[in-house]
């Protein structure tokens, strides 16, 4: 293989696909990036068998061929060549990759690509089209609530449910639940899939044109998107997702409306001292205000935030991080906190629509 590419094109492409390189695998090929030169295109591919990213860029080909180069090293090296106009990539007879640039040359060890995994791209059964910014917002509004615990792998993914033109994304970890709904432009039919949260995070990094649309394709146990000559595929999680609708209370004894930013800032300040006491903050809810407080051996915080209350006064405690995570992704000026008892779930919703819902389990206070 011998080809010529632009430095910026190569660096950008490698930076995209390296996210799928395996960091610890008994298969050395999975720690590399496959480079394939055919016609006037150079294709770069990386996979860890869970996700795969393939990027195609233009090149000037002198000899077709392919090889697998060390992923992380190649990414770091090409990052330093962004300002180089032309870079020559040449696989030598001894298997090394020769990189020629600005009158200089360097070498990297390479492997044969003969046994590199084949990336499945014939995925076309079910799909939906959604604005890129809308899809990114949907993911950002929910994926933070996915579990990090390997003991319940199904909860390490987000549930995507499409009915009609309404796409719902759900995440939960046993302590909190996040639900967000968005409208799609078009769809082939109803869809239900559990997508690893890591895969969704990588998708948000690939879709960069907020006003453009992206097509999400799902078939059996795979999901694929194709945007800007970049193909991303991921395996879906298999199993039954928790019936999250049964978790959400249908009525509430206490509801208060509050300015989101005011409450967010107050809880963030209280959380500084709460770190000493397992991140616990307390909310004392009264007729016109809520006391936000935290106590530790290092000191204490107590602040008043104005609210509009309907129902009973209540004292309840939370892991501050869970509340902060929810408030950070909400854009509304005012939000509603819905509660029943000090040990029952708290539900945070919009005052005007049902686009999002967040449920947080409280921390039991020692009396």
Protein backbone atom coordinates (compact mmCIF):
# COMPACT_ATOMS: atom_id res chain seq x y z
CA UNK A 1 0.00 0.00 0.00
CA UNK A 2 1.18 3.48 -0.87
CA UNK A 3 -0.98 6.60 -0.70
CA UNK A 4 -0.89 10.36 -0.13
CA UNK A 5 -3.34 12.16 2.21
CA UNK A 6 -3.81 15.60 3.74
CA UNK A 7 -2.48 15.96 7.28
CA UNK A 8 -5.64 17.53 8.70
CA UNK A 9 -7.91 14.95 7.01
CA UNK A 10 -5.85 12.08 8.39
CA UNK A 11 -5.66 13.49 11.92
CA UNK A 12 -9.41 14.17 12.08
CA UNK A 13 -10.24 10.70 10.78
CA UNK A 14 -7.89 8.89 13.16
CA UNK A 15 -9.19 10.96 16.09
CA UNK A 16 -12.72 9.80 15.31
CA UNK A 17 -12.09 6.08 14.92
CA UNK A 18 -9.58 5.71 17.78
CA UNK A 19 -12.52 5.98 20.22
CA UNK A 20 -13.44 2.41 19.23
CA UNK A 21 -9.95 0.95 19.74
CA UNK A 22 -9.81 -1.67 22.50
CA UNK A 23 -7.58 -0.67 25.40
CA UNK A 24 -7.06 -4.15 26.84
CA UNK A 25 -7.68 -7.11 24.58
CA UNK A 26 -5.95 -10.47 24.11
CA UNK A 27 -6.44 -9.85 20.39
CA UNK A 28 -3.70 -7.44 19.32
CA UNK A 29 -5.63 -6.52 16.16
CA UNK A 30 -8.37 -4.88 18.26
CA UNK A 31 -5.80 -2.47 19.70
CA UNK A 32 -5.07 -1.22 16.20
CA UNK A 33 -6.66 0.85 13.45
CA UNK A 34 -7.15 -0.81 10.10
CA UNK A 35 -6.15 1.40 7.15
CA UNK A 36 -7.42 0.34 3.73
CA UNK A 37 -6.47 2.10 0.52
CA UNK A 38 -8.65 1.38 -2.53
CA UNK A 39 -9.30 3.67 -5.47
CA UNK A 40 -9.19 7.29 -4.36
CA UNK A 41 -10.30 6.66 -0.78
CA UNK A 42 -8.57 5.72 2.44
CA UNK A 43 -10.79 3.91 4.96
CA UNK A 44 -9.87 3.85 8.64
CA UNK A 45 -11.62 1.34 10.88
CA UNK A 46 -11.50 0.55 14.60
CA UNK A 47 -13.56 -1.81 16.74
CA UNK A 48 -13.52 -3.42 20.16
CA UNK A 49 -16.32 -5.82 19.04
CA UNK A 50 -18.88 -3.78 21.02
CA UNK A 51 -18.71 -0.62 18.92
CA UNK A 52 -17.09 0.07 15.54
CA UNK A 53 -16.25 3.33 13.77
CA UNK A 54 -15.30 3.61 10.12
CA UNK A 55 -14.19 6.87 8.47
CA UNK A 56 -13.52 7.43 4.76
CA UNK A 57 -11.28 10.23 3.47
CA UNK A 58 -9.94 11.20 0.05
CA UNK A 59 -6.44 10.16 -0.97
CA UNK A 60 -4.13 9.81 -3.95
CA UNK A 61 -3.41 6.13 -4.43
CA UNK A 62 -0.19 4.71 -5.85
CA UNK A 63 -0.67 1.14 -4.61
CA UNK A 64 -3.78 -0.39 -3.02
CA UNK A 65 -3.62 -2.46 0.14
CA UNK A 66 -4.39 -2.52 3.85
CA UNK A 67 -2.77 -3.08 7.23
CA UNK A 68 -3.43 -2.65 10.96
CA UNK A 69 -1.37 -0.01 12.79
CA UNK A 70 -1.10 0.61 16.57
CA UNK A 71 -4.22 2.63 17.36
CA UNK A 72 -3.22 4.92 20.21
CA UNK A 73 0.28 5.54 18.87
CA UNK A 74 -0.99 6.31 15.39
CA UNK A 75 -3.55 8.74 16.83
CA UNK A 76 -0.97 10.57 18.94
CA UNK A 77 1.49 10.74 16.05
CA UNK A 78 -0.96 11.99 13.41
CA UNK A 79 -2.25 14.60 15.86
CA UNK A 80 1.18 16.23 15.60
CA UNK A 81 0.94 16.26 11.79
CA UNK A 82 -2.25 18.32 11.45
CA UNK A 83 -0.37 21.25 9.91
CA UNK A 84 1.42 19.10 7.32
CA UNK A 85 0.02 19.54 3.83
CA UNK A 86 0.77 16.08 2.43
CA UNK A 87 1.57 12.82 4.20
CA UNK A 88 2.68 9.65 2.44
CA UNK A 89 1.69 6.32 3.98
CA UNK A 90 3.59 3.33 2.68
CA UNK A 91 3.43 -0.30 3.88
CA UNK A 92 6.88 -1.80 3.31
CA UNK A 93 7.78 -5.39 2.47
CA UNK A 94 8.83 -6.03 6.09
CA UNK A 95 5.34 -5.01 7.30
CA UNK A 96 6.24 -1.62 8.74
CA UNK A 97 4.28 1.54 8.00
CA UNK A 98 6.52 4.27 6.62
CA UNK A 99 5.21 7.80 7.21
CA UNK A 100 6.79 10.53 5.06
CA UNK A 101 6.10 14.20 5.82
CA UNK A 102 7.87 17.55 5.29
CA UNK A 103 11.10 15.89 4.16
CA UNK A 104 11.12 13.57 7.20
CA UNK A 105 10.13 9.96 7.68
CA UNK A 106 9.06 7.76 10.59
CA UNK A 107 8.12 4.11 10.97
CA UNK A 108 5.48 2.18 12.92
CA UNK A 109 5.13 -1.56 13.24
CA UNK A 110 2.06 -2.86 11.43
CA UNK A 111 0.10 -6.14 11.31
CA UNK A 112 -1.66 -7.97 8.52
CA UNK A 113 -5.35 -7.05 8.18
CA UNK A 114 -6.38 -10.50 6.90
CA UNK A 115 -7.99 -11.53 10.19
CA UNK A 116 -9.34 -8.14 11.20
CA UNK A 117 -13.05 -8.39 12.16
CA UNK A 118 -15.58 -7.65 9.41
CA UNK A 119 -17.81 -4.72 10.34
CA UNK A 120 -21.50 -5.43 9.74
CA UNK A 121 -23.04 -2.57 7.78
CA UNK A 122 -25.99 -4.22 6.01
CA UNK A 123 -28.40 -2.89 8.62
CA UNK A 124 -31.59 -1.50 7.10
CA UNK A 125 -34.68 -2.99 8.73
CA UNK A 126 -35.96 -0.19 10.99
CA UNK A 127 -34.92 3.44 11.07
CA UNK A 128 -35.86 6.94 12.13
CA UNK A 129 -34.67 10.39 11.07
CA UNK A 130 -34.07 13.04 13.72
CA UNK A 131 -32.37 16.41 13.90
CA UNK A 132 -28.83 16.00 15.19
CA UNK A 133 -29.22 18.56 18.00
CA UNK A 134 -32.48 16.93 19.10
CA UNK A 135 -30.84 13.51 19.28
CA UNK A 136 -27.86 14.88 21.22
CA UNK A 137 -30.19 16.63 23.68
CA UNK A 138 -32.17 13.42 24.15
CA UNK A 139 -29.01 11.47 24.98
CA UNK A 140 -27.56 14.17 27.24
CA UNK A 141 -30.83 14.39 29.15
CA UNK A 142 -30.83 10.72 30.11
CA UNK A 143 -27.58 8.76 29.67
CA UNK A 144 -26.00 10.15 32.87
CA UNK A 145 -28.49 8.03 34.84
CA UNK A 146 -27.29 4.71 33.39
CA UNK A 147 -25.78 2.22 35.80
CA UNK A 148 -22.02 1.72 35.98
CA UNK A 149 -22.43 -1.61 37.76
CA UNK A 150 -21.45 -4.70 35.78
CA UNK A 151 -23.75 -6.86 37.91
CA UNK A 152 -26.80 -5.47 36.04
CA UNK A 153 -25.53 -5.02 32.47
CA UNK A 154 -28.97 -4.25 31.03
CA UNK A 155 -29.00 -1.00 33.06
CA UNK A 156 -25.72 0.12 31.47
CA UNK A 157 -27.77 1.06 28.43
CA UNK A 158 -30.57 3.44 27.51
CA UNK A 159 -33.94 2.16 26.35
CA UNK A 160 -35.01 3.76 23.05
CA UNK A 161 -38.73 3.45 22.36
CA UNK A 162 -40.27 4.86 19.19
CA UNK A 163 -44.03 4.98 18.79
CA UNK A 164 -45.39 7.01 15.91
CA UNK A 165 -43.22 10.12 15.77
CA UNK A 166 -42.42 10.18 19.51
CA UNK A 167 -39.00 8.88 20.58
CA UNK A 168 -38.53 8.15 24.29
CA UNK A 169 -35.16 7.56 25.91
CA UNK A 170 -34.99 5.97 29.37
CA UNK A 171 -32.08 5.41 31.77
CA UNK A 172 -31.99 4.17 35.36
CA UNK A 173 -29.46 2.78 37.81
CA UNK A 174 -31.57 1.66 40.75
CA UNK A 175 -31.34 5.01 42.55
CA UNK A 176 -32.69 7.36 39.89
CA UNK A 177 -34.65 7.35 36.65
CA UNK A 178 -34.39 9.71 33.66
CA UNK A 179 -36.99 9.87 30.88
CA UNK A 180 -36.95 12.26 27.93
CA UNK A 181 -39.18 12.47 24.85
CA UNK A 182 -38.49 14.06 21.48
CA UNK A 183 -40.19 14.15 18.09
CA UNK A 184 -38.61 12.50 15.04
CA UNK A 185 -38.96 13.74 11.47
CA UNK A 186 -39.87 10.35 10.02
CA UNK A 187 -39.72 6.66 10.87
CA UNK A 188 -40.31 3.27 9.27
CA UNK A 189 -42.26 1.95 12.26
CA UNK A 190 -42.19 1.39 16.01
CA UNK A 191 -38.81 0.53 17.54
CA UNK A 192 -37.63 -0.75 20.92
CA UNK A 193 -33.89 -1.18 21.57
CA UNK A 194 -31.45 -1.00 24.49
CA UNK A 195 -28.32 0.90 23.45
CA UNK A 196 -25.12 0.93 25.56
CA UNK A 197 -24.65 4.36 27.10
CA UNK A 198 -21.03 4.40 25.96
CA UNK A 199 -22.19 4.00 22.36
CA UNK A 200 -24.66 6.87 22.70
CA UNK A 201 -21.93 9.10 24.13
CA UNK A 202 -19.69 8.37 21.14
CA UNK A 203 -22.58 9.13 18.78
CA UNK A 204 -22.95 12.60 20.28
CA UNK A 205 -19.29 13.24 19.51
CA UNK A 206 -19.72 12.24 15.88
CA UNK A 207 -22.81 14.28 15.03
CA UNK A 208 -21.61 17.88 14.92
CA UNK A 209 -24.04 19.71 12.60
CA UNK A 210 -26.92 20.64 14.89
CA UNK A 211 -29.36 21.68 12.17
CA UNK A 212 -28.74 18.65 9.95
CA UNK A 213 -30.61 15.37 10.29
CA UNK A 214 -29.20 11.93 11.07
CA UNK A 215 -30.70 8.55 10.23
CA UNK A 216 -30.54 5.95 12.99
CA UNK A 217 -30.88 2.38 11.71
CA UNK A 218 -31.69 -0.59 13.95
CA UNK A 219 -31.81 -4.27 13.05
CA UNK A 220 -31.96 -7.19 15.45
CA UNK A 221 -28.98 -6.66 17.78
CA UNK A 222 -27.26 -3.76 15.98
CA UNK A 223 -27.59 0.00 15.62
CA UNK A 224 -25.92 2.09 12.93
CA UNK A 225 -25.59 5.72 11.90
CA UNK A 226 -23.85 7.09 8.81
CA UNK A 227 -22.90 10.77 8.94
CA UNK A 228 -20.23 12.77 7.11
CA UNK A 229 -18.54 9.66 5.66
CA UNK A 230 -18.36 8.15 9.14
CA UNK A 231 -20.18 4.90 9.88
CA UNK A 232 -20.79 4.02 13.54
CA UNK A 233 -22.17 0.66 14.60
CA UNK A 234 -22.82 -0.84 18.03
CA UNK A 235 -24.18 -4.05 19.43
CA UNK A 236 -27.42 -3.66 21.35
CA UNK A 237 -27.93 -5.03 24.84
CA UNK A 238 -30.15 -8.08 25.11
CA UNK A 239 -32.66 -8.75 27.85
CA UNK A 240 -35.81 -7.35 29.43
CA UNK A 241 -35.66 -3.72 30.54
CA UNK A 242 -37.34 -2.74 33.78
CA UNK A 243 -40.95 -1.55 33.41
CA UNK A 244 -40.07 2.00 34.42
CA UNK A 245 -43.66 3.26 34.21
CA UNK A 246 -44.60 1.21 37.27
CA UNK A 247 -41.95 3.03 39.32
CA UNK A 248 -43.43 6.50 38.84
CA UNK A 249 -46.10 7.55 41.41
CA UNK A 250 -49.44 8.58 39.97
CA UNK A 251 -50.34 11.15 42.64
CA UNK A 252 -48.53 13.43 45.08
CA UNK A 253 -49.16 14.96 48.50
CA UNK A 254 -46.57 17.73 48.14
CA UNK A 255 -45.67 19.71 45.01
CA UNK A 256 -43.55 22.82 44.83
CA UNK A 257 -42.57 25.00 41.90
CA UNK A 258 -39.09 26.52 42.03
CA UNK A 259 -36.64 28.49 39.93
CA UNK A 260 -34.25 25.86 38.60
CA UNK A 261 -31.08 27.98 38.63
CA UNK A 262 -31.70 29.25 42.16
CA UNK A 263 -32.17 25.73 43.52
CA UNK A 264 -29.27 24.35 41.47
CA UNK A 265 -26.84 26.97 42.79
CA UNK A 266 -27.99 26.45 46.37
CA UNK A 267 -27.62 22.66 46.21
CA UNK A 268 -24.18 22.99 44.58
CA UNK A 269 -22.98 25.15 47.46
CA UNK A 270 -24.44 22.78 50.04
CA UNK A 271 -22.86 19.82 48.26
CA UNK A 272 -19.37 21.17 48.92
CA UNK A 273 -19.70 20.30 52.62
CA UNK A 274 -21.96 17.34 51.88
CA UNK A 275 -19.02 15.52 50.29
CA UNK A 276 -17.75 14.82 53.79
CA UNK A 277 -21.04 13.10 54.69
CA UNK A 278 -21.67 10.89 51.64
CA UNK A 279 -23.07 13.79 49.57
CA UNK A 280 -26.24 14.03 51.64
CA UNK A 281 -28.22 17.29 51.49
CA UNK A 282 -31.56 17.96 53.20
CA UNK A 283 -34.60 19.85 51.92
CA UNK A 284 -36.99 21.32 54.53
CA UNK A 285 -40.06 22.28 52.50
CA UNK A 286 -42.34 24.99 53.88
CA UNK A 287 -45.13 27.18 52.57
CA UNK A 288 -43.06 29.82 50.76
CA UNK A 289 -39.52 28.46 50.76
CA UNK A 290 -37.34 25.38 50.96
CA UNK A 291 -34.36 25.20 53.31
CA UNK A 292 -31.39 23.59 51.57
CA UNK A 293 -28.87 22.36 54.13
CA UNK A 294 -25.88 20.11 54.71
CA UNK A 295 -23.94 19.36 57.88
CA UNK A 296 -20.52 17.90 58.52
CA UNK A 297 -17.68 18.09 61.03
CA UNK A 298 -16.12 20.76 58.83
CA UNK A 299 -19.13 23.08 58.97
CA UNK A 300 -22.68 23.50 57.71
CA UNK A 301 -24.71 25.28 55.06
CA UNK A 302 -28.34 26.42 55.26
CA UNK A 303 -29.97 28.49 52.52
CA UNK A 304 -33.52 29.58 51.73
CA UNK A 305 -34.91 29.26 48.21
CA UNK A 306 -38.34 30.71 47.37
CA UNK A 307 -40.99 28.26 46.15
CA UNK A 308 -44.72 27.99 45.44
CA UNK A 309 -46.05 25.09 47.50
CA UNK A 310 -49.16 22.98 47.06
CA UNK A 311 -49.79 20.40 49.78
CA UNK A 312 -48.01 19.45 52.98
CA UNK A 313 -44.72 20.58 54.48
CA UNK A 314 -42.05 17.91 54.20
CA UNK A 315 -38.44 17.17 55.14
CA UNK A 316 -36.50 14.90 52.79
CA UNK A 317 -32.84 14.12 52.04
CA UNK A 318 -31.01 13.19 48.84
CA UNK A 319 -27.64 12.35 47.43
CA UNK A 320 -26.78 15.82 46.16
CA UNK A 321 -25.05 14.48 43.04
CA UNK A 322 -28.26 12.86 41.82
CA UNK A 323 -30.22 16.09 42.11
CA UNK A 324 -27.45 18.20 40.55
CA UNK A 325 -27.17 15.82 37.59
CA UNK A 326 -30.88 16.26 36.84
CA UNK A 327 -31.01 20.02 37.29
CA UNK A 328 -27.93 20.49 35.10
CA UNK A 329 -29.58 19.02 31.99
CA UNK A 330 -32.95 20.78 32.33
CA UNK A 331 -33.35 24.03 30.42
CA UNK A 332 -36.66 25.24 31.89
CA UNK A 333 -36.67 28.33 34.09
CA UNK A 334 -39.12 26.79 36.56
CA UNK A 335 -39.61 23.13 37.47
CA UNK A 336 -41.90 21.09 39.70
CA UNK A 337 -40.79 18.82 42.54
CA UNK A 338 -43.44 16.19 43.35
CA UNK A 339 -43.27 14.23 46.61
CA UNK A 340 -45.27 12.06 49.01
CA UNK A 341 -43.23 11.01 52.05
CA UNK A 342 -39.60 11.31 53.25
CA UNK A 343 -38.91 7.77 51.97
CA UNK A 344 -40.93 7.81 48.73
CA UNK A 345 -39.47 8.75 45.31
CA UNK A 346 -39.24 12.39 44.29
CA UNK A 347 -40.32 13.20 40.73
CA UNK A 348 -39.04 16.29 38.91
CA UNK A 349 -41.09 17.39 35.91
CA UNK A 350 -41.77 20.39 33.72
CA UNK A 351 -44.53 22.76 34.66
CA UNK A 352 -45.99 22.80 31.14
CA UNK A 353 -45.37 19.50 29.30
CA UNK A 354 -44.16 15.93 29.74
CA UNK A 355 -40.98 16.13 27.65
CA UNK A 356 -38.87 15.00 30.58
CA UNK A 357 -39.24 13.27 33.95
CA UNK A 358 -36.62 12.55 36.60
CA UNK A 359 -37.17 10.29 39.59
CA UNK A 360 -34.77 10.20 42.54
CA UNK A 361 -34.89 7.92 45.56
CA UNK A 362 -34.37 9.80 48.85
CA UNK A 363 -31.87 8.99 51.58
CA UNK A 364 -33.43 7.86 54.84
CA UNK A 365 -32.67 10.35 57.61
CA UNK A 366 -31.56 9.14 61.05
CA UNK A 367 -34.01 10.44 63.57
